[in-house]
Every structure is written in structure tokens, then in C-alpha cells.
Amino acid sequence: MNKFDLSIVLNASIIILEILALIICLESMGSIDLTYYTVDSNIFLLVSSILYLIFRKNTPKIVELLKYSSTLSVMITFLVVIFVLLPMYDFNYQFFLLDGPNLYVHVICPILALVSFVFFERNNLENTLRNNLRAVYFTIVYAVIILILNIQKIVTGPYPFLKVYEQSLIMSVFWIVLIMGATFVLAWTLLAVKDLDRILY
């Protein structure tokens, strides 16, 4: 089995697991809460993985960009869970990494997406500032919408660092700069590692 065949297997696995996670969400909570970046980013990954399989023989640039952006998005989910939410909630590994759909949306699907994109998928995107910014669009749109909803008191959170009325303005700005900065750095890193993999193999 060659690298391209493995990318098909990995993306098919992602689709199955993402659908399973959505089913678990519906069964346990009765709905799918789109205020969570985790939910939105994993649905984004589901859609981009389906498109990747549909256009696997001749992948359009837009599908390459969507796959790149969705991989970035679920990796942000993974990193925020590990380095932000776990410390905030007394390192409750059971809940964040194992319970319900979290095993899939916080851990397995982000890791599968990363491995597939970096090492196995055909993707000819150049590691340019323009492409890095395009990959961040999804996260920017989410941040703008959810912050407006929080400011208007339509939504609270859903993450502690988004609760603008429960922290100082400086802390809100700090979290925005930190997470968006990390998102951009990770966007560059994903394509840098992929470029390195191309050179080595």
C-alpha cells in the first residue's frame, strides 16, 4: 500500500469516527452545540475529508486549502485542550480525553488528520504567507462571531477565556493574541513539516 492509498484509509477512518462522535453528541446531549470550536472544527474536518475522497484522483486547490485549514483547526482544538483547558480544570483527563465524543474530537481525529495531511496526502500548497492566512480564516471567523455573541450576552463562553464579562479586557486581549498567534505559527509549521517530508521522501 503506497502513501496515497494510506491517505484514503486515514480519511475514511476520520469520516467514520467524526460521524460516530456526532451520533454520540446527539444521543448524550440531544443536540449539537455549534458554539464550541471543537464541534465546528471537527465538522469542518469531516466535510473536507469527504471532499478529499471525492476528488482524490485530481484534487482541486480549494480542496487542498480546506484540508489544510481543517487540519490546522482540529490541531488547535487538540492543543487548547492539552495546554489550556486541562490545567484550568484540574487535569481532568478522563473527561477531556476519554469521555463521550471527546476521545474522538479531542484526540483521535486531530491526530489522524495531522498524520494524514503531513505524511500521506497529495497537497501542492506552497508555504507562503497568503496560504498561511487562508488556513487561519476559519478560526478568525469563529473568534469574531463568538466574541460578538459574548459581548451581546447572547452566549456565555463556551470556553473560560471567551467569557469577556468574567475577566479583564487585558486578559481577553491576551487570550486572543495568544491563540491567534499560535494558530498562525502552527499554520506555517504544518506546511514546513510537509515540505520537509517531500524533500526526505
N, C-alpha and C. Protein backbone atom coordinates (compact mmCIF):
# COMPACT_ATOMS: atom_id res chain seq x y z
N MET A 1 0.85 -1.20 0.00
CA MET A 1 0.00 0.00 0.00
C MET A 1 0.89 1.25 0.00
N ASN A 2 0.68 2.15 -0.99
CA ASN A 2 1.50 3.35 -1.06
C ASN A 2 0.94 4.47 -0.19
N LYS A 3 1.66 5.61 -0.16
CA LYS A 3 1.27 6.72 0.72
C LYS A 3 -0.11 7.25 0.37
N PHE A 4 -0.42 7.34 -0.93
CA PHE A 4 -1.72 7.87 -1.34
C PHE A 4 -2.86 6.96 -0.88
N ASP A 5 -2.64 5.65 -1.00
CA ASP A 5 -3.66 4.70 -0.53
C ASP A 5 -3.88 4.84 0.97
N LEU A 6 -2.81 5.06 1.71
CA LEU A 6 -2.93 5.24 3.16
C LEU A 6 -3.71 6.51 3.50
N SER A 7 -3.54 7.55 2.69
CA SER A 7 -4.29 8.78 2.92
C SER A 7 -5.78 8.55 2.75
N ILE A 8 -6.15 7.68 1.83
CA ILE A 8 -7.56 7.33 1.62
C ILE A 8 -8.10 6.58 2.83
N VAL A 9 -7.33 5.64 3.33
CA VAL A 9 -7.74 4.87 4.52
C VAL A 9 -7.88 5.79 5.72
N LEU A 10 -6.94 6.70 5.90
CA LEU A 10 -6.97 7.61 7.04
C LEU A 10 -8.17 8.55 6.97
N ASN A 11 -8.44 9.08 5.78
CA ASN A 11 -9.57 9.99 5.64
C ASN A 11 -10.91 9.26 5.79
N ALA A 12 -10.98 8.04 5.31
CA ALA A 12 -12.20 7.25 5.52
C ALA A 12 -12.40 6.98 7.00
N SER A 13 -11.31 6.71 7.72
CA SER A 13 -11.40 6.48 9.16
C SER A 13 -11.86 7.74 9.88
N ILE A 14 -11.34 8.89 9.46
CA ILE A 14 -11.76 10.17 10.05
C ILE A 14 -13.26 10.38 9.86
N ILE A 15 -13.75 10.13 8.67
CA ILE A 15 -15.18 10.31 8.38
C ILE A 15 -16.03 9.43 9.29
N ILE A 16 -15.67 8.18 9.41
CA ILE A 16 -16.42 7.25 10.25
C ILE A 16 -16.42 7.70 11.71
N LEU A 17 -15.25 8.07 12.21
CA LEU A 17 -15.13 8.48 13.62
C LEU A 17 -15.84 9.80 13.90
N GLU A 18 -15.79 10.73 12.94
CA GLU A 18 -16.47 12.02 13.12
C GLU A 18 -17.99 11.82 13.16
N ILE A 19 -18.49 10.97 12.30
CA ILE A 19 -19.93 10.68 12.31
C ILE A 19 -20.33 10.00 13.61
N LEU A 20 -19.49 9.07 14.07
CA LEU A 20 -19.74 8.41 15.35
C LEU A 20 -19.78 9.43 16.49
N ALA A 21 -18.85 10.38 16.48
CA ALA A 21 -18.81 11.41 17.52
C ALA A 21 -20.07 12.27 17.50
N LEU A 22 -20.55 12.61 16.31
CA LEU A 22 -21.79 13.39 16.19
C LEU A 22 -22.99 12.61 16.72
N ILE A 23 -23.02 11.33 16.43
CA ILE A 23 -24.11 10.48 16.94
C ILE A 23 -24.08 10.44 18.47
N ILE A 24 -22.89 10.29 19.03
CA ILE A 24 -22.76 10.26 20.50
C ILE A 24 -23.22 11.59 21.09
N CYS A 25 -22.86 12.70 20.45
CA CYS A 25 -23.30 14.02 20.91
C CYS A 25 -24.82 14.12 20.93
N LEU A 26 -25.45 13.67 19.86
CA LEU A 26 -26.90 13.73 19.76
C LEU A 26 -27.57 12.85 20.80
N GLU A 27 -27.01 11.67 21.01
CA GLU A 27 -27.61 10.73 21.98
C GLU A 27 -27.43 11.20 23.41
N SER A 28 -26.28 11.81 23.72
CA SER A 28 -26.00 12.20 25.10
C SER A 28 -26.55 13.57 25.47
N MET A 29 -26.56 14.50 24.49
CA MET A 29 -26.98 15.87 24.79
C MET A 29 -28.25 16.30 24.06
N GLY A 30 -28.68 15.51 23.10
CA GLY A 30 -29.90 15.83 22.38
C GLY A 30 -29.73 16.85 21.27
N SER A 31 -28.52 17.41 21.14
CA SER A 31 -28.27 18.40 20.10
C SER A 31 -26.77 18.52 19.86
N ILE A 32 -26.42 19.27 18.83
CA ILE A 32 -25.01 19.54 18.52
C ILE A 32 -24.78 21.03 18.73
N ASP A 33 -23.98 21.38 19.72
CA ASP A 33 -23.77 22.77 20.12
C ASP A 33 -22.67 23.42 19.27
N LEU A 34 -23.09 24.24 18.31
CA LEU A 34 -22.14 24.86 17.38
C LEU A 34 -21.39 26.05 17.97
N THR A 35 -21.67 26.39 19.23
CA THR A 35 -20.88 27.45 19.86
C THR A 35 -19.48 26.96 20.23
N TYR A 36 -19.29 25.65 20.25
CA TYR A 36 -17.99 25.08 20.59
C TYR A 36 -17.09 25.00 19.35
N TYR A 37 -15.91 25.56 19.45
CA TYR A 37 -14.92 25.48 18.36
C TYR A 37 -14.60 24.02 18.06
N THR A 38 -14.54 23.21 19.09
CA THR A 38 -14.27 21.78 18.92
C THR A 38 -15.27 21.15 17.95
N VAL A 39 -16.54 21.42 18.15
CA VAL A 39 -17.60 20.86 17.30
C VAL A 39 -17.45 21.39 15.88
N ASP A 40 -17.29 22.70 15.74
CA ASP A 40 -17.20 23.32 14.42
C ASP A 40 -15.98 22.83 13.65
N SER A 41 -14.84 22.75 14.32
CA SER A 41 -13.61 22.33 13.64
C SER A 41 -13.68 20.87 13.21
N ASN A 42 -14.32 20.04 14.01
CA ASN A 42 -14.43 18.63 13.64
C ASN A 42 -15.44 18.41 12.52
N ILE A 43 -16.51 19.20 12.48
CA ILE A 43 -17.43 19.14 11.34
C ILE A 43 -16.72 19.61 10.08
N PHE A 44 -15.91 20.66 10.22
CA PHE A 44 -15.10 21.16 9.12
C PHE A 44 -14.18 20.07 8.59
N LEU A 45 -13.54 19.34 9.51
CA LEU A 45 -12.66 18.23 9.11
C LEU A 45 -13.46 17.13 8.41
N LEU A 46 -14.63 16.82 8.92
CA LEU A 46 -15.49 15.81 8.30
C LEU A 46 -15.80 16.18 6.85
N VAL A 47 -16.22 17.42 6.63
CA VAL A 47 -16.57 17.87 5.27
C VAL A 47 -15.36 17.85 4.36
N SER A 48 -14.22 18.35 4.84
CA SER A 48 -13.03 18.39 3.99
C SER A 48 -12.51 16.99 3.67
N SER A 49 -12.67 16.06 4.61
CA SER A 49 -12.24 14.67 4.36
C SER A 49 -13.13 14.01 3.31
N ILE A 50 -14.42 14.30 3.36
CA ILE A 50 -15.34 13.78 2.34
C ILE A 50 -14.96 14.34 0.96
N LEU A 51 -14.69 15.64 0.90
CA LEU A 51 -14.30 16.26 -0.38
C LEU A 51 -12.98 15.69 -0.88
N TYR A 52 -12.06 15.43 0.05
CA TYR A 52 -10.77 14.85 -0.34
C TYR A 52 -10.96 13.50 -1.00
N LEU A 53 -11.84 12.67 -0.45
CA LEU A 53 -12.07 11.35 -1.04
C LEU A 53 -12.79 11.46 -2.38
N ILE A 54 -13.73 12.40 -2.49
CA ILE A 54 -14.46 12.58 -3.75
C ILE A 54 -13.51 13.00 -4.88
N PHE A 55 -12.58 13.91 -4.55
CA PHE A 55 -11.66 14.45 -5.57
C PHE A 55 -10.25 13.90 -5.42
N ARG A 56 -10.14 12.68 -4.91
CA ARG A 56 -8.83 12.12 -4.56
C ARG A 56 -7.90 11.95 -5.76
N LYS A 57 -8.45 11.73 -6.96
CA LYS A 57 -7.59 11.48 -8.13
C LYS A 57 -7.05 12.76 -8.73
N ASN A 58 -7.78 13.85 -8.55
CA ASN A 58 -7.34 15.15 -9.09
C ASN A 58 -7.84 16.24 -8.16
N THR A 59 -7.12 16.45 -7.07
CA THR A 59 -7.59 17.33 -6.00
C THR A 59 -7.47 18.80 -6.39
N PRO A 60 -8.61 19.53 -6.44
CA PRO A 60 -8.56 20.97 -6.74
C PRO A 60 -7.87 21.73 -5.61
N LYS A 61 -7.35 22.91 -5.92
CA LYS A 61 -6.64 23.70 -4.93
C LYS A 61 -7.54 24.07 -3.76
N ILE A 62 -8.81 24.33 -4.04
CA ILE A 62 -9.73 24.71 -2.96
C ILE A 62 -9.87 23.58 -1.95
N VAL A 63 -9.89 22.33 -2.42
CA VAL A 63 -9.99 21.18 -1.51
C VAL A 63 -8.69 21.04 -0.73
N GLU A 64 -7.55 21.29 -1.37
CA GLU A 64 -6.27 21.26 -0.66
C GLU A 64 -6.26 22.31 0.46
N LEU A 65 -6.78 23.49 0.17
CA LEU A 65 -6.84 24.56 1.18
C LEU A 65 -7.77 24.19 2.33
N LEU A 66 -8.93 23.60 1.99
CA LEU A 66 -9.88 23.20 3.02
C LEU A 66 -9.29 22.12 3.91
N LYS A 67 -8.57 21.18 3.31
CA LYS A 67 -7.95 20.10 4.09
C LYS A 67 -6.85 20.66 5.01
N TYR A 68 -6.09 21.57 4.48
CA TYR A 68 -5.04 22.25 5.26
C TYR A 68 -5.66 23.02 6.42
N SER A 69 -6.69 23.81 6.15
CA SER A 69 -7.33 24.64 7.17
C SER A 69 -8.03 23.80 8.23
N SER A 70 -8.70 22.73 7.81
CA SER A 70 -9.41 21.89 8.79
C SER A 70 -8.44 21.12 9.67
N THR A 71 -7.32 20.70 9.09
CA THR A 71 -6.28 20.03 9.89
C THR A 71 -5.73 21.00 10.93
N LEU A 72 -5.45 22.21 10.50
CA LEU A 72 -5.00 23.25 11.43
C LEU A 72 -6.02 23.46 12.55
N SER A 73 -7.29 23.52 12.19
CA SER A 73 -8.36 23.82 13.15
C SER A 73 -8.47 22.75 14.23
N VAL A 74 -8.45 21.47 13.82
CA VAL A 74 -8.57 20.42 14.83
C VAL A 74 -7.29 20.30 15.66
N MET A 75 -6.15 20.69 15.10
CA MET A 75 -4.92 20.70 15.90
C MET A 75 -4.96 21.82 16.94
N ILE A 76 -5.59 22.94 16.61
CA ILE A 76 -5.79 24.00 17.59
C ILE A 76 -6.68 23.47 18.72
N THR A 77 -7.73 22.75 18.35
CA THR A 77 -8.59 22.11 19.35
C THR A 77 -7.76 21.22 20.28
N PHE A 78 -6.95 20.36 19.69
CA PHE A 78 -6.11 19.43 20.46
C PHE A 78 -5.18 20.18 21.41
N LEU A 79 -4.49 21.20 20.91
CA LEU A 79 -3.51 21.92 21.71
C LEU A 79 -4.16 22.75 22.81
N VAL A 80 -5.30 23.36 22.51
CA VAL A 80 -6.01 24.13 23.54
C VAL A 80 -6.48 23.21 24.66
N VAL A 81 -6.97 22.03 24.30
CA VAL A 81 -7.39 21.06 25.32
C VAL A 81 -6.21 20.67 26.21
N ILE A 82 -5.09 20.34 25.59
CA ILE A 82 -3.92 19.86 26.33
C ILE A 82 -3.27 20.95 27.18
N PHE A 83 -3.10 22.14 26.61
CA PHE A 83 -2.29 23.16 27.28
C PHE A 83 -3.11 24.26 27.97
N VAL A 84 -4.40 24.34 27.68
CA VAL A 84 -5.22 25.38 28.30
C VAL A 84 -6.33 24.80 29.18
N LEU A 85 -7.20 23.98 28.58
CA LEU A 85 -8.37 23.51 29.31
C LEU A 85 -8.03 22.50 30.41
N LEU A 86 -7.13 21.58 30.12
CA LEU A 86 -6.76 20.60 31.15
C LEU A 86 -6.21 21.28 32.41
N PRO A 87 -5.25 22.20 32.30
CA PRO A 87 -4.78 22.89 33.51
C PRO A 87 -5.88 23.69 34.21
N MET A 88 -6.79 24.29 33.43
CA MET A 88 -7.87 25.09 34.01
C MET A 88 -8.85 24.23 34.82
N TYR A 89 -9.00 22.98 34.41
CA TYR A 89 -9.97 22.10 35.06
C TYR A 89 -9.29 20.95 35.81
N ASP A 90 -8.22 21.28 36.49
CA ASP A 90 -7.53 20.33 37.40
C ASP A 90 -7.13 19.03 36.71
N PHE A 91 -6.73 19.13 35.46
CA PHE A 91 -6.21 17.99 34.71
C PHE A 91 -7.19 16.80 34.74
N ASN A 92 -8.42 17.11 34.39
CA ASN A 92 -9.46 16.08 34.33
C ASN A 92 -9.34 15.31 33.01
N TYR A 93 -8.32 14.44 32.95
CA TYR A 93 -8.04 13.69 31.72
C TYR A 93 -9.21 12.82 31.30
N GLN A 94 -9.89 12.23 32.24
CA GLN A 94 -11.00 11.33 31.94
C GLN A 94 -12.06 12.05 31.10
N PHE A 95 -12.45 13.24 31.54
CA PHE A 95 -13.50 13.97 30.82
C PHE A 95 -13.01 14.48 29.47
N PHE A 96 -11.87 15.17 29.45
CA PHE A 96 -11.42 15.85 28.24
C PHE A 96 -10.87 14.92 27.17
N LEU A 97 -10.31 13.79 27.58
CA LEU A 97 -9.63 12.93 26.61
C LEU A 97 -10.32 11.59 26.36
N LEU A 98 -11.25 11.19 27.23
CA LEU A 98 -11.81 9.85 27.10
C LEU A 98 -13.33 9.78 27.06
N ASP A 99 -14.01 10.66 27.76
CA ASP A 99 -15.47 10.56 27.89
C ASP A 99 -16.22 10.93 26.61
N GLY A 100 -17.30 10.20 26.35
CA GLY A 100 -18.21 10.53 25.25
C GLY A 100 -17.51 10.72 23.93
N PRO A 101 -17.86 11.81 23.23
CA PRO A 101 -17.24 12.06 21.92
C PRO A 101 -15.84 12.65 22.03
N ASN A 102 -15.43 13.05 23.24
CA ASN A 102 -14.15 13.75 23.40
C ASN A 102 -12.94 12.92 22.97
N LEU A 103 -13.02 11.63 23.17
CA LEU A 103 -11.93 10.75 22.70
C LEU A 103 -11.69 10.94 21.21
N TYR A 104 -12.76 11.11 20.45
CA TYR A 104 -12.65 11.25 19.00
C TYR A 104 -12.32 12.68 18.58
N VAL A 105 -13.08 13.66 19.12
CA VAL A 105 -12.93 15.04 18.64
C VAL A 105 -11.74 15.78 19.25
N HIS A 106 -11.29 15.35 20.43
CA HIS A 106 -10.15 16.00 21.08
C HIS A 106 -8.83 15.30 20.80
N VAL A 107 -8.89 14.00 20.50
CA VAL A 107 -7.64 13.23 20.41
C VAL A 107 -7.47 12.50 19.08
N ILE A 108 -8.30 11.48 18.84
CA ILE A 108 -8.05 10.59 17.71
C ILE A 108 -8.14 11.30 16.37
N CYS A 109 -9.23 12.02 16.12
CA CYS A 109 -9.41 12.67 14.81
C CYS A 109 -8.36 13.74 14.54
N PRO A 110 -8.02 14.61 15.51
CA PRO A 110 -6.93 15.55 15.25
C PRO A 110 -5.60 14.88 14.91
N ILE A 111 -5.28 13.80 15.62
CA ILE A 111 -4.01 13.11 15.35
C ILE A 111 -4.04 12.43 13.97
N LEU A 112 -5.15 11.78 13.64
CA LEU A 112 -5.28 11.16 12.31
C LEU A 112 -5.19 12.21 11.21
N ALA A 113 -5.83 13.36 11.44
CA ALA A 113 -5.81 14.43 10.45
C ALA A 113 -4.40 14.95 10.23
N LEU A 114 -3.66 15.13 11.34
CA LEU A 114 -2.28 15.61 11.25
C LEU A 114 -1.40 14.63 10.49
N VAL A 115 -1.47 13.36 10.86
CA VAL A 115 -0.63 12.34 10.23
C VAL A 115 -0.97 12.22 8.74
N SER A 116 -2.25 12.22 8.43
CA SER A 116 -2.68 12.09 7.03
C SER A 116 -2.20 13.27 6.20
N PHE A 117 -2.46 14.49 6.70
CA PHE A 117 -2.12 15.69 5.92
C PHE A 117 -0.62 15.82 5.71
N VAL A 118 0.15 15.67 6.78
CA VAL A 118 1.59 15.93 6.70
C VAL A 118 2.34 14.84 5.94
N PHE A 119 1.98 13.58 6.16
CA PHE A 119 2.81 12.49 5.64
C PHE A 119 2.24 11.70 4.46
N PHE A 120 0.94 11.78 4.22
CA PHE A 120 0.36 10.89 3.21
C PHE A 120 -0.45 11.56 2.10
N GLU A 121 -0.99 12.72 2.34
CA GLU A 121 -1.87 13.34 1.35
C GLU A 121 -1.08 14.07 0.26
N ARG A 122 -1.65 14.04 -0.94
CA ARG A 122 -1.11 14.84 -2.03
C ARG A 122 -1.61 16.27 -1.82
N ASN A 123 -0.68 17.18 -1.64
CA ASN A 123 -1.04 18.57 -1.43
C ASN A 123 0.11 19.44 -1.90
N ASN A 124 -0.16 20.28 -2.88
CA ASN A 124 0.90 21.06 -3.51
C ASN A 124 0.93 22.52 -3.06
N LEU A 125 0.30 22.82 -1.94
CA LEU A 125 0.28 24.20 -1.46
C LEU A 125 1.68 24.65 -1.06
N GLU A 126 2.03 25.87 -1.46
CA GLU A 126 3.31 26.44 -1.08
C GLU A 126 3.19 27.07 0.30
N ASN A 127 4.27 27.03 1.05
CA ASN A 127 4.27 27.58 2.41
C ASN A 127 4.49 29.09 2.34
N THR A 128 3.43 29.80 1.93
CA THR A 128 3.51 31.25 1.77
C THR A 128 2.63 31.93 2.82
N LEU A 129 2.89 33.21 3.04
CA LEU A 129 2.07 34.00 3.97
C LEU A 129 0.61 33.97 3.55
N ARG A 130 0.35 34.04 2.26
CA ARG A 130 -1.02 34.04 1.76
C ARG A 130 -1.74 32.76 2.13
N ASN A 131 -1.10 31.62 1.90
CA ASN A 131 -1.73 30.34 2.23
C ASN A 131 -1.87 30.15 3.74
N ASN A 132 -0.88 30.60 4.51
CA ASN A 132 -0.98 30.51 5.96
C ASN A 132 -2.18 31.30 6.48
N LEU A 133 -2.38 32.50 5.93
CA LEU A 133 -3.51 33.33 6.34
C LEU A 133 -4.84 32.70 5.93
N ARG A 134 -4.88 32.11 4.75
CA ARG A 134 -6.10 31.43 4.30
C ARG A 134 -6.48 30.30 5.26
N ALA A 135 -5.49 29.60 5.75
CA ALA A 135 -5.75 28.48 6.66
C ALA A 135 -6.34 28.97 7.98
N VAL A 136 -6.05 30.22 8.34
CA VAL A 136 -6.49 30.77 9.62
C VAL A 136 -7.89 31.38 9.53
N TYR A 137 -8.42 31.57 8.32
CA TYR A 137 -9.73 32.21 8.14
C TYR A 137 -10.81 31.58 9.01
N PHE A 138 -10.87 30.26 9.03
CA PHE A 138 -11.91 29.56 9.78
C PHE A 138 -11.88 29.95 11.25
N THR A 139 -10.69 29.97 11.82
CA THR A 139 -10.54 30.32 13.24
C THR A 139 -10.89 31.78 13.48
N ILE A 140 -10.50 32.66 12.55
CA ILE A 140 -10.82 34.08 12.69
C ILE A 140 -12.33 34.29 12.67
N VAL A 141 -13.02 33.65 11.73
CA VAL A 141 -14.47 33.81 11.62
C VAL A 141 -15.15 33.32 12.90
N TYR A 142 -14.72 32.17 13.40
CA TYR A 142 -15.29 31.66 14.66
C TYR A 142 -15.06 32.66 15.79
N ALA A 143 -13.83 33.17 15.91
CA ALA A 143 -13.48 34.09 17.00
C ALA A 143 -14.32 35.35 16.95
N VAL A 144 -14.48 35.92 15.76
CA VAL A 144 -15.26 37.15 15.61
C VAL A 144 -16.71 36.92 16.01
N ILE A 145 -17.31 35.85 15.49
CA ILE A 145 -18.72 35.56 15.77
C ILE A 145 -18.94 35.30 17.26
N ILE A 146 -18.11 34.44 17.85
CA ILE A 146 -18.34 34.06 19.25
C ILE A 146 -18.05 35.21 20.20
N LEU A 147 -17.09 36.08 19.87
CA LEU A 147 -16.82 37.24 20.72
C LEU A 147 -17.98 38.24 20.66
N ILE A 148 -18.54 38.45 19.48
CA ILE A 148 -19.70 39.34 19.34
C ILE A 148 -20.87 38.79 20.15
N LEU A 149 -21.10 37.48 20.06
CA LEU A 149 -22.19 36.85 20.82
C LEU A 149 -21.97 36.97 22.32
N ASN A 150 -20.71 36.89 22.75
CA ASN A 150 -20.41 37.05 24.18
C ASN A 150 -20.59 38.50 24.62
N ILE A 151 -20.13 39.44 23.82
CA ILE A 151 -20.27 40.85 24.15
C ILE A 151 -21.75 41.25 24.24
N GLN A 152 -22.57 40.67 23.36
CA GLN A 152 -24.00 40.96 23.37
C GLN A 152 -24.77 40.10 24.37
N LYS A 153 -24.05 39.27 25.10
CA LYS A 153 -24.62 38.40 26.14
C LYS A 153 -25.64 37.41 25.59
N ILE A 154 -25.46 37.04 24.33
CA ILE A 154 -26.30 36.00 23.72
C ILE A 154 -25.75 34.63 24.09
N VAL A 155 -24.43 34.57 24.20
CA VAL A 155 -23.71 33.34 24.55
C VAL A 155 -22.75 33.65 25.68
N THR A 156 -22.55 32.69 26.58
CA THR A 156 -21.53 32.82 27.61
C THR A 156 -20.46 31.77 27.36
N GLY A 157 -19.28 32.22 27.02
CA GLY A 157 -18.19 31.27 26.72
C GLY A 157 -18.24 30.80 25.27
N PRO A 158 -18.26 29.50 25.02
CA PRO A 158 -18.39 28.41 25.99
C PRO A 158 -17.10 28.06 26.73
N TYR A 159 -15.99 28.69 26.30
CA TYR A 159 -14.71 28.43 26.96
C TYR A 159 -14.42 29.55 27.96
N PRO A 160 -13.73 29.25 29.07
CA PRO A 160 -13.46 30.26 30.10
C PRO A 160 -12.80 31.52 29.55
N PHE A 161 -11.87 31.38 28.60
CA PHE A 161 -11.14 32.53 28.07
C PHE A 161 -11.96 33.38 27.11
N LEU A 162 -13.20 32.96 26.81
CA LEU A 162 -14.09 33.74 25.96
C LEU A 162 -15.14 34.51 26.77
N LYS A 163 -15.16 34.29 28.06
CA LYS A 163 -16.16 34.95 28.92
C LYS A 163 -15.70 36.37 29.22
N VAL A 164 -16.03 37.27 28.31
CA VAL A 164 -15.48 38.63 28.35
C VAL A 164 -15.93 39.42 29.57
N TYR A 165 -17.07 39.07 30.16
CA TYR A 165 -17.55 39.80 31.33
C TYR A 165 -17.06 39.20 32.65
N GLU A 166 -16.30 38.12 32.56
CA GLU A 166 -15.78 37.48 33.77
C GLU A 166 -14.27 37.62 33.88
N GLN A 167 -13.67 38.43 33.00
CA GLN A 167 -12.24 38.67 33.05
C GLN A 167 -11.97 40.09 32.57
N SER A 168 -10.78 40.59 32.81
CA SER A 168 -10.43 41.96 32.41
C SER A 168 -10.26 42.05 30.90
N LEU A 169 -10.34 43.26 30.39
CA LEU A 169 -10.12 43.50 28.96
C LEU A 169 -8.73 43.04 28.54
N ILE A 170 -7.75 43.31 29.43
CA ILE A 170 -6.37 42.90 29.12
C ILE A 170 -6.27 41.39 28.96
N MET A 171 -6.96 40.63 29.82
CA MET A 171 -6.92 39.17 29.72
C MET A 171 -7.61 38.69 28.44
N SER A 172 -8.70 39.33 28.07
CA SER A 172 -9.40 38.96 26.83
C SER A 172 -8.49 39.17 25.63
N VAL A 173 -7.80 40.32 25.61
CA VAL A 173 -6.87 40.62 24.52
C VAL A 173 -5.71 39.63 24.54
N PHE A 174 -5.22 39.32 25.74
CA PHE A 174 -4.11 38.36 25.87
C PHE A 174 -4.47 37.02 25.24
N TRP A 175 -5.67 36.50 25.56
CA TRP A 175 -6.08 35.20 25.04
C TRP A 175 -6.25 35.23 23.52
N ILE A 176 -6.81 36.32 23.01
CA ILE A 176 -7.00 36.46 21.56
C ILE A 176 -5.65 36.45 20.85
N VAL A 177 -4.72 37.25 21.34
CA VAL A 177 -3.39 37.35 20.73
C VAL A 177 -2.66 36.01 20.83
N LEU A 178 -2.73 35.37 22.00
CA LEU A 178 -2.03 34.10 22.20
C LEU A 178 -2.55 33.01 21.26
N ILE A 179 -3.87 32.84 21.23
CA ILE A 179 -4.44 31.75 20.44
C ILE A 179 -4.31 32.02 18.94
N MET A 180 -4.57 33.26 18.51
CA MET A 180 -4.45 33.56 17.09
C MET A 180 -2.99 33.51 16.65
N GLY A 181 -2.09 33.96 17.52
CA GLY A 181 -0.66 33.87 17.19
C GLY A 181 -0.21 32.43 17.05
N ALA A 182 -0.64 31.60 18.00
CA ALA A 182 -0.29 30.17 17.94
C ALA A 182 -0.89 29.52 16.70
N THR A 183 -2.09 29.93 16.32
CA THR A 183 -2.74 29.38 15.13
C THR A 183 -1.93 29.68 13.89
N PHE A 184 -1.46 30.91 13.77
CA PHE A 184 -0.67 31.30 12.59
C PHE A 184 0.66 30.56 12.55
N VAL A 185 1.33 30.45 13.70
CA VAL A 185 2.62 29.73 13.76
C VAL A 185 2.42 28.27 13.38
N LEU A 186 1.34 27.66 13.88
CA LEU A 186 1.07 26.26 13.56
C LEU A 186 0.75 26.10 12.08
N ALA A 187 0.05 27.06 11.50
CA ALA A 187 -0.27 27.01 10.07
C ALA A 187 1.02 26.94 9.24
N TRP A 188 1.99 27.78 9.60
CA TRP A 188 3.29 27.76 8.91
C TRP A 188 4.00 26.43 9.16
N THR A 189 3.95 25.95 10.39
CA THR A 189 4.67 24.74 10.77
C THR A 189 4.14 23.52 10.02
N LEU A 190 2.82 23.42 9.84
CA LEU A 190 2.24 22.28 9.13
C LEU A 190 2.82 22.14 7.73
N LEU A 191 2.87 23.25 6.99
CA LEU A 191 3.40 23.17 5.62
C LEU A 191 4.92 23.04 5.62
N ALA A 192 5.59 23.58 6.64
CA ALA A 192 7.05 23.43 6.72
C ALA A 192 7.42 21.97 6.92
N VAL A 193 6.70 21.28 7.80
CA VAL A 193 6.96 19.86 8.04
C VAL A 193 6.61 19.05 6.80
N LYS A 194 5.53 19.43 6.13
CA LYS A 194 5.14 18.71 4.91
C LYS A 194 6.19 18.89 3.82
N ASP A 195 6.74 20.10 3.71
CA ASP A 195 7.83 20.35 2.75
C ASP A 195 9.04 19.49 3.08
N LEU A 196 9.36 19.37 4.35
CA LEU A 196 10.49 18.55 4.77
C LEU A 196 10.26 17.09 4.42
N ASP A 197 9.02 16.63 4.60
CA ASP A 197 8.69 15.23 4.27
C ASP A 197 8.86 15.00 2.77
N ARG A 198 8.49 15.99 1.95
CA ARG A 198 8.65 15.86 0.49
C ARG A 198 10.12 15.73 0.13
N ILE A 199 10.96 16.53 0.79
CA ILE A 199 12.40 16.51 0.50
C ILE A 199 13.02 15.18 0.88
N LEU A 200 12.65 14.67 2.06
CA LEU A 200 13.25 13.43 2.56
C LEU A 200 12.77 12.20 1.79
N TYR A 201 11.48 12.25 1.33
CA TYR A 201 10.94 11.05 0.70
C TYR A 201 10.49 11.32 -0.73
